């Protein structure tokens, strides 16, 4: 349950930060999200993404080894799902809960 609690805290913290970050809210509300990623070369974006994933994978592998996280899912898939969950609050107005 430690891994589950850790992920819940992580997701909660990510969502809170995204919801409370005025800069992120402004970027999304003005439609400038893509502009910020387009300003960087694709190679640079991919490098940063790989580095971020590489930092998290050992934690998930440890949780798999201790039985705290399912072993039938690759750690990278979990990390990508976490990334998606983290940005959902930015688009709440575009996607109402009743959908």
Protein backbone atom coordinates (compact mmCIF):
# COMPACT_ATOMS: atom_id res chain seq x y z
CA UNK A 1 0.00 0.00 0.00
CA UNK A 2 3.00 2.33 0.33
CA UNK A 3 3.30 2.59 -3.47
CA UNK A 4 -0.40 3.26 -3.81
CA UNK A 5 -0.28 5.95 -1.14
CA UNK A 6 2.81 7.42 -2.74
CA UNK A 7 1.14 7.58 -6.14
CA UNK A 8 -1.99 9.12 -4.62
CA UNK A 9 0.13 11.81 -2.97
CA UNK A 10 2.07 12.36 -6.19
CA UNK A 11 -1.08 12.65 -8.33
CA UNK A 12 -2.75 14.89 -5.78
CA UNK A 13 0.29 17.14 -5.63
CA UNK A 14 0.58 17.30 -9.43
CA UNK A 15 -3.09 18.16 -9.85
CA UNK A 16 -2.91 20.77 -7.10
CA UNK A 17 0.17 22.40 -8.63
CA UNK A 18 -1.39 22.50 -12.07
CA UNK A 19 -4.69 23.87 -10.76
CA UNK A 20 -3.01 26.54 -8.66
CA UNK A 21 -0.27 27.62 -11.06
CA UNK A 22 -1.36 30.95 -12.53
CA UNK A 23 1.23 30.81 -15.32
CA UNK A 24 0.05 27.40 -16.51
CA UNK A 25 -3.56 28.54 -16.35
CA UNK A 26 -2.74 31.61 -18.43
CA UNK A 27 -0.81 29.61 -21.00
CA UNK A 28 -3.70 27.21 -21.45
CA UNK A 29 -6.43 29.85 -21.43
CA UNK A 30 -4.68 31.86 -24.14
CA UNK A 31 -4.00 28.78 -26.28
CA UNK A 32 -0.22 29.15 -26.07
CA UNK A 33 0.58 25.60 -24.92
CA UNK A 34 1.87 24.45 -28.29
CA UNK A 35 3.87 27.63 -28.82
CA UNK A 36 6.08 26.80 -25.85
CA UNK A 37 6.85 23.30 -27.06
CA UNK A 38 7.33 24.44 -30.66
CA UNK A 39 10.06 26.83 -29.56
CA UNK A 40 12.26 23.85 -28.68
CA UNK A 41 13.71 21.43 -31.19
CA UNK A 42 11.98 18.04 -31.19
CA UNK A 43 15.28 16.38 -30.24
CA UNK A 44 15.51 18.55 -27.11
CA UNK A 45 11.92 17.80 -26.10
CA UNK A 46 12.50 14.07 -26.49
CA UNK A 47 15.76 14.25 -24.52
CA UNK A 48 14.04 15.97 -21.60
CA UNK A 49 11.20 13.47 -21.68
CA UNK A 50 13.61 10.52 -21.68
CA UNK A 51 15.58 12.00 -18.77
CA UNK A 52 12.42 12.54 -16.73
CA UNK A 53 11.26 8.99 -17.40
CA UNK A 54 14.70 7.57 -16.59
CA UNK A 55 14.60 9.30 -13.18
CA UNK A 56 11.23 7.76 -12.29
CA UNK A 57 11.62 4.21 -13.63
CA UNK A 58 13.81 2.94 -10.75
CA UNK A 59 11.11 3.85 -8.22
CA UNK A 60 8.44 1.97 -10.12
CA UNK A 61 10.73 -1.03 -10.62
CA UNK A 62 11.37 -1.13 -6.88
CA UNK A 63 7.63 -1.08 -6.21
CA UNK A 64 7.20 -3.93 -8.69
CA UNK A 65 9.94 -5.96 -6.99
CA UNK A 66 8.30 -5.50 -3.59
CA UNK A 67 4.84 -6.35 -4.92
CA UNK A 68 3.48 -2.86 -4.38
CA UNK A 69 2.91 -2.29 -8.10
CA UNK A 70 1.66 -4.68 -10.75
CA UNK A 71 4.37 -6.32 -12.80
CA UNK A 72 2.29 -6.79 -15.95
CA UNK A 73 2.55 -3.10 -16.84
CA UNK A 74 5.76 -1.48 -17.97
CA UNK A 75 6.94 1.37 -15.70
CA UNK A 76 7.10 3.70 -18.72
CA UNK A 77 3.37 3.13 -19.35
CA UNK A 78 2.60 4.10 -15.75
CA UNK A 79 4.76 7.22 -16.08
CA UNK A 80 3.06 8.27 -19.31
CA UNK A 81 -0.35 7.78 -17.65
CA UNK A 82 0.84 9.94 -14.75
CA UNK A 83 1.88 12.65 -17.22
CA UNK A 84 -1.53 12.59 -18.82
CA UNK A 85 -3.32 12.75 -15.48
CA UNK A 86 -1.18 15.70 -14.45
CA UNK A 87 -2.33 17.86 -17.37
CA UNK A 88 -6.04 17.02 -17.19
CA UNK A 89 -6.84 19.93 -14.83
CA UNK A 90 -5.53 22.37 -17.42
CA UNK A 91 -8.34 21.39 -19.77
CA UNK A 92 -11.24 21.01 -17.33
CA UNK A 93 -13.28 23.74 -18.98
CA UNK A 94 -12.97 22.12 -22.40
CA UNK A 95 -14.06 18.70 -21.13
CA UNK A 96 -16.94 18.90 -18.64
CA UNK A 97 -17.34 16.06 -16.13
CA UNK A 98 -20.63 14.89 -17.61
CA UNK A 99 -18.92 13.62 -20.79
